[in-house]
Amino acid sequence: MTELAADLLPILIAPNPALKMRARAVGRGDDAQIRELLPRMFTSMYRAPGIGLAAPQVGVGLRLAIIDLMKDEKSHPLVLINPELVAASEELATREEGCLSLPNQFAEITRPARVKVRYLDQQGVRQEIDAEGLLSACIQHEMDHLEGILFVDHLSSLKRNMILRRLAKEQRQKKDSDNG
């Protein structure tokens, strides 16, 4: 196994029950785990490829998420530890979302257009960010994961069930082709 493959974390796929669990706050005793986990999360997210990943998606029940929108094809990694929503605009924005835990599934999701979020960075320093556009949607999406919420939970039960059935079928077909 290559060193890079050893650093990859398996990304949980819905309907894994761990994805529906609320994550606990990161505390002082979690420092070593966070230091070990963060580079592996970034490696796994970039390899997937994705622009955001929350710790619960790799089976770790901590309030930790990473984001990198790769603006201008340059890396701009953002680490959000214990993020809290401080403010959200009344104005809404709808954009297509996908999720590494629901591969190849997409839907139009409506969320507040702008948010202000307070969090700790990788060094444990309190930060605040005002986000809009894709960054706002991505932060809200990743914060939802920390509450055990998937993007499909924002849809009607009919749309959600259609996506989950399609995902289950694709996963069965993938498993069959991998075994065949």
Protein backbone atom coordinates (compact mmCIF):
# COMPACT_ATOMS: atom_id res chain seq x y z
CA MET A 1 0.00 0.00 0.00
CA THR A 2 1.35 3.44 -0.86
CA GLU A 3 1.91 5.99 1.88
CA LEU A 4 -0.82 8.19 0.38
CA ALA A 5 -3.35 5.34 0.40
CA ALA A 6 -2.48 4.69 4.05
CA ASP A 7 -3.39 8.31 4.83
CA LEU A 8 -6.82 8.05 3.19
CA LEU A 9 -9.80 7.79 5.50
CA PRO A 10 -12.86 5.85 4.35
CA ILE A 11 -15.74 8.25 3.73
CA LEU A 12 -18.99 6.88 5.13
CA ILE A 13 -21.84 6.49 2.66
CA ALA A 14 -25.51 7.09 3.54
CA PRO A 15 -27.46 5.47 5.13
CA ASN A 16 -24.59 4.77 7.59
CA PRO A 17 -26.08 5.54 11.04
CA ALA A 18 -22.93 7.44 12.13
CA LEU A 19 -23.91 10.17 9.61
CA LYS A 20 -27.09 10.85 11.60
CA MET A 21 -25.34 11.30 14.96
CA ARG A 22 -24.73 14.73 16.51
CA ALA A 23 -21.00 15.34 16.98
CA ARG A 24 -19.58 16.42 20.33
CA ALA A 25 -17.55 19.57 20.87
CA VAL A 26 -13.81 19.33 20.45
CA GLY A 27 -12.10 19.70 23.84
CA ARG A 28 -8.54 20.20 25.09
CA GLY A 29 -8.00 16.45 25.35
CA ASP A 30 -8.67 16.07 21.59
CA ASP A 31 -5.59 18.02 20.42
CA ALA A 32 -3.46 15.00 19.46
CA GLN A 33 -6.36 13.34 17.62
CA ILE A 34 -7.10 16.56 15.70
CA ARG A 35 -3.43 16.98 14.70
CA GLU A 36 -3.39 13.40 13.37
CA LEU A 37 -6.83 13.62 11.76
CA LEU A 38 -6.64 16.93 9.87
CA PRO A 39 -3.98 16.03 7.26
CA ARG A 40 -5.73 12.70 6.61
CA MET A 41 -9.09 14.47 6.20
CA PHE A 42 -7.58 16.92 3.68
CA THR A 43 -5.90 14.07 1.76
CA SER A 44 -9.19 12.14 1.67
CA MET A 45 -11.23 15.20 0.63
CA TYR A 46 -8.84 16.18 -2.18
CA ARG A 47 -8.62 12.59 -3.43
CA ALA A 48 -12.44 12.14 -3.47
CA PRO A 49 -12.50 14.93 -4.91
CA GLY A 50 -14.54 17.30 -2.78
CA ILE A 51 -14.56 20.84 -1.39
CA GLY A 52 -15.69 20.06 2.16
CA LEU A 53 -15.57 17.22 4.66
CA ALA A 54 -16.83 16.94 8.23
CA ALA A 55 -15.31 14.59 10.81
CA PRO A 56 -18.54 12.54 11.15
CA GLN A 57 -18.20 11.63 7.46
CA VAL A 58 -15.02 9.72 8.32
CA GLY A 59 -16.53 8.14 11.43
CA VAL A 60 -15.18 10.66 13.97
CA GLY A 61 -17.88 12.23 16.13
CA LEU A 62 -16.17 15.58 16.69
CA ARG A 63 -17.33 19.09 15.74
CA LEU A 64 -14.66 19.56 13.10
CA ALA A 65 -14.99 20.36 9.39
CA ILE A 66 -12.62 21.33 6.61
CA ILE A 67 -13.28 23.29 3.43
CA ASP A 68 -11.19 24.20 0.41
CA LEU A 69 -12.97 25.81 -2.53
CA MET A 70 -9.72 25.78 -4.56
CA LYS A 71 -10.29 29.35 -5.81
CA ASP A 72 -8.25 30.09 -8.93
CA GLU A 73 -7.05 26.47 -8.68
CA LYS A 74 -5.04 27.41 -5.57
CA SER A 75 -5.53 25.74 -2.22
CA HIS A 76 -7.21 27.86 0.49
CA PRO A 77 -7.79 25.34 3.28
CA LEU A 78 -10.18 26.34 6.03
CA VAL A 79 -10.38 24.40 9.31
CA LEU A 80 -13.52 24.90 11.41
CA ILE A 81 -13.36 23.55 14.96
CA ASN A 82 -16.54 23.87 17.05
CA PRO A 83 -18.19 26.21 14.52
CA GLU A 84 -21.21 28.22 15.68
CA LEU A 85 -23.66 30.12 13.52
CA VAL A 86 -23.64 33.74 14.76
CA ALA A 87 -25.95 35.23 12.12
CA ALA A 88 -27.75 34.24 8.92
CA SER A 89 -29.32 36.48 6.31
CA GLU A 90 -33.06 36.46 5.74
CA GLU A 91 -32.25 36.45 2.03
CA LEU A 92 -32.12 32.91 0.69
CA ALA A 93 -30.05 31.37 -2.10
CA THR A 94 -30.61 28.11 -3.95
CA ARG A 95 -27.74 26.14 -5.43
CA GLU A 96 -27.02 22.59 -6.43
CA GLU A 97 -25.36 20.56 -3.68
CA GLY A 98 -23.72 17.19 -3.60
CA CYS A 99 -21.98 15.27 -0.84
CA LEU A 100 -19.11 12.82 -0.57
CA SER A 101 -21.37 10.67 1.64
CA LEU A 102 -24.00 10.57 -1.15
CA PRO A 103 -21.75 10.09 -4.19
CA ASN A 104 -23.12 11.19 -7.58
CA GLN A 105 -26.33 12.55 -6.00
CA PHE A 106 -27.23 16.21 -6.39
CA ALA A 107 -30.19 18.45 -5.59
CA GLU A 108 -31.12 22.12 -5.44
CA ILE A 109 -30.95 23.23 -1.78
CA THR A 110 -32.16 26.58 -0.40
CA ARG A 111 -30.23 28.09 2.49
CA PRO A 112 -29.52 31.58 3.90
CA ALA A 113 -27.49 33.49 1.31
CA ARG A 114 -24.99 34.82 3.87
CA VAL A 115 -23.80 33.58 7.24
CA LYS A 116 -21.45 34.70 10.00
CA VAL A 117 -19.73 31.82 11.76
CA ARG A 118 -17.47 31.77 14.84
CA TYR A 119 -15.00 28.91 15.16
CA LEU A 120 -11.56 27.87 16.36
CA ASP A 121 -8.83 27.52 13.76
CA GLN A 122 -6.18 24.79 13.64
CA GLN A 123 -4.09 26.65 16.23
CA GLY A 124 -7.08 26.98 18.60
CA VAL A 125 -7.50 30.72 17.92
CA ARG A 126 -11.08 32.03 17.87
CA GLN A 127 -12.00 33.31 14.40
CA GLU A 128 -15.09 34.73 12.73
CA ILE A 129 -15.94 34.57 9.05
CA ASP A 130 -18.60 36.28 6.97
CA ALA A 131 -19.43 34.02 4.05
CA GLU A 132 -21.64 34.28 0.99
CA GLY A 133 -22.10 32.35 -2.23
CA LEU A 134 -20.50 28.92 -2.49
CA LEU A 135 -18.53 29.35 0.75
CA SER A 136 -21.72 30.13 2.69
CA ALA A 137 -23.48 27.06 1.29
CA CYS A 138 -20.44 24.86 1.95
CA ILE A 139 -20.04 26.02 5.56
CA GLN A 140 -23.75 25.43 6.24
CA HIS A 141 -23.57 22.00 4.56
CA GLU A 142 -20.58 20.94 6.68
CA MET A 143 -22.12 22.35 9.88
CA ASP A 144 -25.25 20.31 9.12
CA HIS A 145 -23.07 17.17 9.17
CA LEU A 146 -22.04 18.06 12.73
CA GLU A 147 -25.74 17.94 13.67
CA GLY A 148 -26.36 14.62 11.87
CA ILE A 149 -28.15 16.34 8.98
CA LEU A 150 -27.55 15.45 5.32
CA PHE A 151 -28.36 17.81 2.45
CA VAL A 152 -31.19 15.49 1.39
CA ASP A 153 -32.85 16.15 4.76
CA HIS A 154 -33.68 19.63 3.42
CA LEU A 155 -35.77 18.08 0.61
CA SER A 156 -39.32 16.79 0.55
CA SER A 157 -39.60 13.15 1.64
CA LEU A 158 -40.44 12.19 -1.96
CA LYS A 159 -37.28 13.79 -3.40
CA ARG A 160 -35.14 12.53 -0.50
CA ASN A 161 -36.37 8.95 -0.91
CA MET A 162 -35.81 9.06 -4.69
CA ILE A 163 -32.18 10.13 -4.15
CA LEU A 164 -31.56 7.57 -1.40
CA ARG A 165 -33.03 4.75 -3.52
CA ARG A 166 -30.90 5.82 -6.51
CA LEU A 167 -27.80 5.92 -4.26
CA ALA A 168 -28.56 2.44 -2.84
CA LYS A 169 -28.97 1.05 -6.36
CA GLU A 170 -25.68 2.61 -7.54
CA GLN A 171 -23.89 1.26 -4.45
CA ARG A 172 -25.28 -2.26 -5.10
CA GLN A 173 -24.17 -2.08 -8.74
CA LYS A 174 -20.71 -0.86 -7.71
CA LYS A 175 -20.41 -3.68 -5.18
CA ASP A 176 -21.53 -6.24 -7.78
CA SER A 177 -19.04 -4.97 -10.37
CA ASP A 178 -16.24 -4.89 -7.76
CA ASN A 179 -17.03 -8.51 -6.83
CA GLY A 180 -17.58 -9.63 -10.42
